[in-house]
Protein backbone atom coordinates (compact mmCIF):
# COMPACT_ATOMS: atom_id res chain seq x y z
CA MET A 1 25.13 94.34 105.09
CA HIS A 2 27.05 92.44 107.76
CA ASP A 3 28.46 95.48 109.57
CA ALA A 4 25.33 96.22 111.63
CA PRO A 5 23.21 93.12 112.23
CA ALA A 6 19.79 93.44 113.81
CA GLN A 7 19.74 92.98 117.59
CA TYR A 8 17.57 90.74 119.74
CA ALA A 9 15.65 93.14 121.97
CA THR A 10 15.92 91.30 125.30
CA THR A 11 19.20 89.36 125.16
CA GLY A 12 21.39 91.42 122.84
CA ARG A 13 21.84 88.47 120.49
CA ASN A 14 21.58 88.74 116.72
CA VAL A 15 18.32 87.58 115.21
CA LEU A 16 16.98 87.10 111.73
CA VAL A 17 14.80 89.81 110.28
CA LEU A 18 11.45 88.23 109.42
CA ARG A 19 9.93 89.18 106.09
CA LYS A 20 6.83 88.39 104.13
CA PRO A 21 7.71 85.31 102.03
CA HIS A 22 9.02 86.50 98.69
CA ALA A 23 9.73 84.55 95.50
CA LEU A 24 13.02 85.72 94.03
CA ASN A 25 13.10 83.66 90.86
CA PRO A 26 9.82 82.82 89.08
CA MET A 27 11.69 80.37 86.80
CA ASN A 28 11.58 77.88 89.67
CA ALA A 29 7.81 77.62 89.38
CA PRO A 30 6.38 74.86 87.18
CA ARG A 31 6.29 75.96 83.56
CA ARG A 32 2.93 76.55 81.95
CA ARG A 33 2.21 74.30 79.05
CA LYS A 34 1.92 75.82 75.60
CA ALA A 35 -1.13 74.89 73.59
CA GLN A 36 0.86 74.28 70.43
CA ALA A 37 3.03 71.16 70.51
CA ARG A 38 6.63 71.45 69.36
CA PRO A 39 8.69 68.83 67.55
CA GLN A 40 10.20 66.20 69.79
CA GLN A 41 13.96 66.46 70.31
CA LEU A 42 16.39 64.17 72.06
CA CYS A 43 18.34 65.73 74.94
CA GLU A 44 20.65 64.48 77.65
CA ALA A 45 21.34 66.01 81.04
CA GLU A 46 24.75 65.66 82.65
CA VAL A 47 24.09 65.15 86.35
CA VAL A 48 26.09 64.75 89.53
CA ALA A 49 26.48 61.06 90.31
CA GLY A 50 24.26 60.40 93.29
CA LEU A 51 21.79 63.18 92.45
CA LYS A 52 20.20 61.71 89.33
CA ASP A 53 16.81 61.30 91.01
CA GLN A 54 16.72 64.96 91.97
CA ALA A 55 17.66 66.05 88.46
CA ALA A 56 14.92 63.83 87.04
CA SER A 57 12.38 65.18 89.52
CA GLU A 58 13.19 68.75 88.53
CA LEU A 59 12.67 68.00 84.83
CA ARG A 60 9.34 66.33 85.54
CA THR A 61 8.18 69.14 87.81
CA ARG A 62 9.31 71.97 85.56
CA PHE A 63 8.29 70.59 82.18
CA GLY A 64 5.64 67.95 82.83
CA SER A 65 4.85 65.77 79.82
CA ASP A 66 7.10 67.93 77.60
CA ALA A 67 10.06 66.03 79.11
CA ARG A 68 9.76 62.23 78.77
CA LEU A 69 12.62 60.62 80.64
CA LEU A 70 14.43 57.60 79.22
CA ARG A 71 16.08 54.82 81.15
CA LYS A 72 19.85 54.74 81.30
CA ALA A 73 22.22 52.81 83.54
CA ARG A 74 24.98 55.42 83.88
CA PRO A 75 24.60 57.43 87.09
CA ASP A 76 25.79 60.74 85.60
CA GLU A 77 23.61 60.89 82.45
CA LEU A 78 19.88 61.45 82.08
CA PRO A 79 18.45 61.29 78.52
CA PHE A 80 14.96 62.51 77.72
CA HIS A 81 12.67 63.37 74.83
CA TYR A 82 11.63 67.02 74.92
CA ARG A 83 8.89 69.03 73.21
CA GLY A 84 9.30 72.38 74.94
CA GLU A 85 11.39 75.47 74.32
CA LEU A 86 15.08 74.58 74.29
CA ALA A 87 15.98 77.89 75.92
CA ALA A 88 13.99 76.92 79.02
CA LEU A 89 16.35 74.00 79.63
CA GLY A 90 19.10 76.52 80.32
CA THR A 91 17.37 77.50 83.56
CA VAL A 92 17.37 74.13 85.37
CA GLY A 93 19.38 74.05 88.57
CA LYS A 94 20.04 70.41 89.40
CA SER A 95 21.87 69.32 86.23
CA ASN A 96 25.43 70.27 85.42
CA ALA A 97 24.62 70.71 81.72
CA ILE A 98 21.97 69.91 79.10
CA ASN A 99 22.96 68.64 75.66
CA LEU A 100 21.04 68.45 72.40
CA VAL A 101 21.60 64.99 70.89
CA GLN A 102 21.56 64.12 67.20
CA HIS A 103 22.04 60.64 65.81
CA PHE A 104 24.11 59.97 62.67
CA ASP A 105 23.70 56.61 61.00
CA ILE A 106 27.33 56.42 59.92
CA PRO A 107 30.00 53.71 60.37
CA ARG A 108 32.82 56.00 61.49
CA PRO A 109 33.52 59.70 62.33
CA ALA A 110 35.13 60.32 58.92
CA ALA A 111 31.60 60.44 57.51
CA PHE A 112 31.03 63.75 59.35
CA LEU A 113 33.22 65.31 56.64
CA GLY A 114 30.66 64.46 53.96
CA HIS A 115 28.43 67.31 52.83
CA GLN A 116 25.13 65.83 54.05
CA HIS A 117 26.29 64.98 57.57
CA GLN A 118 28.40 68.09 57.96
CA THR A 119 25.36 70.18 57.03
CA ARG A 120 23.31 68.49 59.76
CA LEU A 121 26.11 69.03 62.26
CA LEU A 122 26.34 72.73 61.41
CA ARG A 123 22.57 73.09 61.58
CA GLN A 124 22.61 71.76 65.15
CA ILE A 125 25.32 74.25 66.07
CA ASP A 126 23.24 77.06 64.58
CA SER A 127 20.15 75.97 66.52
CA VAL A 128 22.07 76.15 69.81
CA ARG A 129 23.66 79.51 69.00
CA SER A 130 20.24 80.91 68.11
CA LEU A 131 19.12 80.37 71.72
CA HIS A 132 21.47 83.11 72.90
CA GLU A 133 22.31 86.69 72.08
CA SER A 134 24.76 87.30 69.26
CA GLY A 135 28.35 86.99 70.46
CA SER A 136 27.57 84.61 73.34
CA PHE A 137 29.85 81.99 71.76
CA HIS A 138 33.40 82.95 70.77
CA SER A 139 35.11 79.57 70.53
CA PHE A 140 34.40 75.86 70.40
CA ARG A 141 35.95 72.58 71.42
CA ILE A 142 35.38 68.94 70.59
CA SER A 143 35.34 66.11 73.09
CA ALA A 144 35.86 62.82 71.28
CA ALA A 145 38.08 59.77 71.25
CA GLY A 146 41.02 60.47 68.99
CA ARG A 147 40.32 64.19 68.82
CA GLU A 148 43.86 64.79 67.53
CA SER A 149 43.41 62.41 64.62
CA PRO A 150 43.56 63.82 61.06
CA VAL A 151 39.81 63.29 60.69
CA MET A 152 39.01 65.34 63.79
CA GLN A 153 41.48 68.04 62.76
CA ARG A 154 39.77 68.34 59.39
CA LEU A 155 36.37 68.43 61.07
CA ARG A 156 37.32 71.19 63.49
CA ASP A 157 38.86 73.21 60.62
CA ALA A 158 35.59 72.88 58.71
CA ILE A 159 33.56 73.96 61.75
CA ALA A 160 35.83 76.94 62.37
CA ARG A 161 35.55 78.00 58.75
CA GLN A 162 31.76 77.70 58.62
CA THR A 163 30.95 79.20 62.04
CA ASN A 164 33.72 81.82 62.45
CA LEU A 165 34.40 80.37 65.88
CA VAL A 166 37.94 79.82 67.14
CA TYR A 167 38.94 76.32 68.17
CA ASP A 168 40.05 76.25 71.82
CA GLU A 169 40.58 72.73 73.16
CA ARG A 170 40.46 73.83 76.81
CA GLU A 171 38.16 76.82 77.17
CA GLY A 172 35.93 76.63 74.09
CA ASP A 173 32.45 77.77 75.14
CA LEU A 174 30.58 75.82 72.45
CA LEU A 175 31.12 72.23 73.55
CA LEU A 176 30.61 69.38 71.06
CA ARG A 177 30.83 65.75 72.07
CA ILE A 178 31.11 62.98 69.51
CA ARG A 179 30.63 59.41 70.69
CA LYS A 180 29.60 55.99 69.46
CA ALA A 181 25.84 55.62 69.57
CA ASP A 182 24.72 55.23 73.16
CA LEU A 183 21.01 55.99 72.86
CA HIS A 184 20.65 54.30 69.47
CA GLN A 185 21.41 50.83 68.18
CA ALA A 186 24.31 51.83 65.93
CA GLY A 187 26.11 54.79 64.40
CA TRP A 188 27.42 57.92 66.15
CA GLU A 189 25.91 60.71 68.23
CA LEU A 190 26.67 64.42 68.38
CA LEU A 191 25.95 66.14 71.69
CA THR A 192 25.94 69.94 71.72
CA ARG A 193 25.77 71.72 75.08
CA LEU A 194 22.92 74.22 75.10
CA THR A 195 24.75 76.90 77.11
CA PRO A 196 28.15 78.63 76.82
CA ARG A 197 29.02 77.56 80.36
CA PRO A 198 27.95 74.57 82.42
CA LEU A 199 24.73 75.16 84.31
CA SER A 200 26.66 74.56 87.53
CA ALA A 201 28.67 77.74 86.74
CA ARG A 202 25.95 80.09 87.95
CA SER A 203 25.82 83.57 86.44
CA TRP A 204 25.49 85.07 89.92
CA ARG A 205 28.81 83.59 91.07
CA VAL A 206 31.01 86.63 90.51
CA ARG A 207 33.28 85.82 93.46
CA ASN A 208 34.69 82.43 94.31
CA LEU A 209 36.73 80.82 97.06
CA PRO A 210 38.98 77.73 96.98
CA GLY A 211 36.92 74.65 97.68
CA ALA A 212 33.59 76.40 97.03
CA LEU A 213 30.68 74.01 96.77
CA ASN A 214 29.39 73.01 93.35
CA ALA A 215 26.17 75.01 92.90
CA THR A 216 24.32 72.00 91.49
CA ILE A 217 25.11 70.03 94.64
CA ALA A 218 24.08 73.04 96.74
CA ALA A 219 20.73 73.17 94.94
CA ALA A 220 20.20 69.47 95.65
CA MET A 221 21.03 70.01 99.33
CA ILE A 222 18.45 72.78 99.52
CA GLU A 223 15.85 70.51 97.91
CA LEU A 224 16.44 67.88 100.60
CA THR A 225 15.27 70.37 103.26
CA HIS A 226 11.81 70.54 101.63
CA PRO A 227 11.75 74.37 101.51
CA GLN A 228 8.72 76.01 103.12
CA PRO A 229 7.58 79.67 103.02
CA GLU A 230 7.77 79.93 106.83
CA ASP A 231 11.42 78.78 106.96
CA ARG A 232 13.96 80.65 109.03
CA PHE A 233 17.11 79.58 107.21
CA PHE A 234 20.71 79.82 108.43
CA ASN A 235 23.90 78.94 106.50
CA LEU A 236 26.73 78.05 108.88
CA MET A 237 30.26 78.82 107.65
CA CYS A 238 28.70 80.33 104.54
CA GLY A 239 31.91 81.04 102.60
CA SER A 240 31.02 82.71 99.31
CA GLY A 241 27.31 82.12 99.92
CA THR A 242 26.47 79.28 97.53
CA LEU A 243 23.94 77.55 99.79
CA LEU A 244 22.42 80.86 100.83
CA VAL A 245 21.89 82.05 97.26
CA GLU A 246 20.50 78.70 96.14
CA ARG A 247 17.92 78.77 98.96
CA LEU A 248 16.81 82.28 98.01
CA LEU A 249 16.49 81.25 94.38
CA ARG A 250 14.51 78.12 95.21
CA ALA A 251 11.34 79.40 96.89
CA PRO A 252 9.88 82.05 99.23
CA LEU A 253 10.94 81.98 102.88
CA MET A 254 10.53 84.02 106.04
CA ALA A 255 14.16 84.80 106.86
CA ALA A 256 17.63 83.93 105.55
CA ALA A 257 21.11 84.54 106.91
CA GLY A 258 24.63 83.19 106.95
CA CYS A 259 27.75 83.54 109.05
CA ASP A 260 31.49 83.20 108.69
CA THR A 261 34.54 84.26 110.65
CA ASP A 262 36.47 85.27 107.51
CA PRO A 263 35.79 88.89 106.44
CA HIS A 264 36.93 88.09 102.89
CA ALA A 265 34.39 85.26 102.65
CA LEU A 266 31.63 87.60 103.82
CA ARG A 267 32.61 90.14 101.17
CA CYS A 268 32.49 87.41 98.51
CA ALA A 269 29.08 86.28 99.74
CA THR A 270 27.85 89.88 99.67
CA ASP A 271 28.95 90.29 96.05
CA ASN A 272 27.32 87.01 95.01
CA LEU A 273 24.07 87.90 96.76
CA ARG A 274 24.09 91.26 95.00
CA ALA A 275 24.71 89.62 91.62
CA ALA A 276 21.76 87.29 92.28
CA GLY A 277 19.52 90.23 93.13
CA ALA A 278 19.17 88.94 96.70
CA GLU A 279 21.32 91.33 98.73
CA GLU A 280 18.31 92.78 100.56
CA LEU A 281 16.81 89.37 101.28
CA ALA A 282 19.59 87.96 103.45
CA GLN A 283 21.75 88.95 106.39
CA LEU A 284 25.42 88.10 106.86
CA PHE A 285 26.96 87.93 110.32
CA PRO A 286 30.66 87.77 111.32
CA MET A 287 30.06 84.90 113.72
CA ASP A 288 31.71 81.66 114.77
CA ALA A 289 29.55 78.64 113.92
CA THR A 290 30.49 77.10 117.28
CA ARG A 291 29.31 80.18 119.24
CA LEU A 292 26.30 81.58 117.43
CA GLU A 293 24.84 84.81 118.77
CA LEU A 294 21.34 83.55 118.16
CA PRO A 295 18.51 82.63 120.54
CA ASP A 296 17.74 79.03 121.38
CA ALA A 297 15.30 77.20 119.07
CA SER A 298 15.19 80.12 116.60
CA ILE A 299 16.09 78.39 113.28
CA ASP A 300 14.05 76.00 111.13
CA VAL A 301 16.69 75.00 108.55
CA LEU A 302 20.48 74.86 108.92
CA CYS A 303 22.91 74.15 106.10
CA ALA A 304 26.68 73.88 105.93
CA ASP A 305 29.51 72.74 103.71
CA LEU A 306 31.70 71.51 106.55
CA PRO A 307 35.51 71.76 106.15
CA TRP A 308 36.83 68.59 104.57
CA GLY A 309 40.31 68.92 106.03
CA GLN A 310 41.89 69.27 102.58
CA LEU A 311 41.70 72.70 100.92
CA LEU A 312 40.15 74.10 104.08
CA GLY A 313 40.93 73.16 107.66
CA SER A 314 42.59 69.98 108.83
CA HIS A 315 41.48 66.63 110.13
CA GLU A 316 42.94 67.46 113.54
CA ASN A 317 40.90 70.67 113.79
CA ASN A 318 37.79 68.90 112.55
CA LEU A 319 37.96 66.43 115.44
CA THR A 320 37.06 69.34 117.69
CA LEU A 321 35.05 71.41 115.21
CA TYR A 322 32.43 68.89 114.13
CA PRO A 323 31.05 68.10 117.63
CA LEU A 324 30.97 71.81 118.48
CA VAL A 325 29.11 72.71 115.28
CA LEU A 326 26.50 69.97 115.71
CA ALA A 327 25.99 70.92 119.36
CA GLU A 328 25.51 74.60 118.54
CA ALA A 329 23.28 73.76 115.58
CA ALA A 330 21.12 71.68 117.93
CA ARG A 331 20.86 74.58 120.37
CA VAL A 332 19.54 77.08 117.82
CA ALA A 333 17.37 74.52 115.97
CA ALA A 334 13.65 74.77 116.58
CA PRO A 335 11.75 71.56 117.38
CA GLY A 336 11.53 69.50 114.20
CA ALA A 337 14.12 71.66 112.43
CA ARG A 338 15.97 70.22 109.43
CA ALA A 339 19.71 70.37 108.84
CA VAL A 340 21.71 69.36 105.80
CA PHE A 341 25.49 69.04 105.86
CA ILE A 342 28.03 67.87 103.30
CA THR A 343 31.48 66.57 104.12
CA HIS A 344 34.18 64.17 102.98
CA GLU A 345 35.09 63.38 106.59
CA ILE A 346 32.74 60.41 106.53
CA ARG A 347 34.00 58.46 109.54
CA LEU A 348 34.28 61.57 111.70
CA MET A 349 30.80 62.74 110.75
CA GLU A 350 29.18 59.39 111.42
CA ARG A 351 30.97 59.06 114.76
CA THR A 352 29.82 62.55 115.71
CA LEU A 353 26.24 61.78 114.70
CA ARG A 354 26.28 58.69 116.92
CA ASP A 355 27.40 60.88 119.82
CA PHE A 356 24.54 63.29 119.13
CA ALA A 357 21.84 60.68 118.56
CA ASP A 358 19.81 62.23 121.39
CA ARG A 359 19.65 65.55 119.49
CA TRP A 360 19.80 64.66 115.78
CA THR A 361 18.30 61.83 113.79
CA THR A 362 19.69 61.01 110.34
CA GLN A 363 16.88 60.92 107.80
CA LYS A 364 18.91 60.44 104.65
CA GLU A 365 22.46 60.02 103.37
CA VAL A 366 23.40 60.77 99.76
CA ARG A 367 26.79 59.95 98.28
CA VAL A 368 27.81 62.33 95.51
CA PHE A 369 30.83 62.91 93.29
CA GLN A 370 32.76 66.19 93.22
CA GLY A 371 36.27 66.85 91.99
CA GLY A 372 37.40 63.24 92.15
CA LEU A 373 36.03 62.84 95.68
CA HIS A 374 32.88 61.17 97.03
CA PRO A 375 31.51 63.35 99.82
CA ARG A 376 28.21 62.62 101.50
CA ILE A 377 25.20 64.76 102.17
CA TYR A 378 23.47 64.20 105.52
CA LEU A 379 19.88 65.24 106.06
CA LEU A 380 19.15 65.52 109.78
CA ALA A 381 16.09 66.30 111.86
CA ARG A 382 16.13 67.85 115.31
CA ARG A 383 14.74 65.56 117.98
CA ASP A 384 12.19 67.13 120.31
């Protein structure tokens, strides 16, 4: 796909192939309401701190009145009452995970060992397993304070015996969380993740690279660009293609491409695009983001996960790289184009943006949390 890019007829530069806007993933469209109401269930989304509003907006847009959001102070949790199909919650893109929550009016976790409460616990496990094909869950794990206590050991032995699942404290794909009541006045709550893997672990990600962007954060970055069907989209330094795939999954567009100087990264991006069913919808170019072989004013949306100077690159290299990337991005950006970048080099990025205030205006900054770090997302607009 990246061996023979299309050529610009008059200048010899690479250009994007324009296509009729095409929707890759119909699950991103608002869900049609069912006439028959379902029982209300309590759920909780695990979200990226800093992106709670986007996760909430997606739930409202996708599920309408079937998802009634509840207030909660913690920035990484989003509880809601839900009347729709539980399986549909496994398709959201801006939450790291969705949990089914059940309240137990008990004074301490030892009561889970009683027949009545253990039966309710096992019934919740069965309801989550029933959402998936047989064999989707092979093991389980429990996240709880004092999980090595005798009570928790007895509980996990009982679960293993009743479910035929193997207990794996690190990689268990059925995740159970037991905590003191947080959404209720008293008692304890059981949270069961609805999917074998976190939602941020996309099924299309068959190839990965060190430092690859969290797909949930990538989806939020794409949302900030306000995707339009006429977009000509370009992913600078695309790596394994996370931002590129997330844009193709989000909504129809006119053209999509990415570039990288690393042949291995381009191969990884190709494999991920193929796994997402999007290989024919995007182009990959072996190009330097500071010297793009693209015409002036030819791109409507630019995205990049800039090197943070930790796993990739260095602070010394970034001192030169960041100004060059923003200058080249400004050259290829059409009037009014949007750009969204993420980086942990906060001071360098803000200094560079001040230097380029005549070309880029900062419309929004979002601080997020990833891997113990607090990078920032910058939404920019090209000045005329």
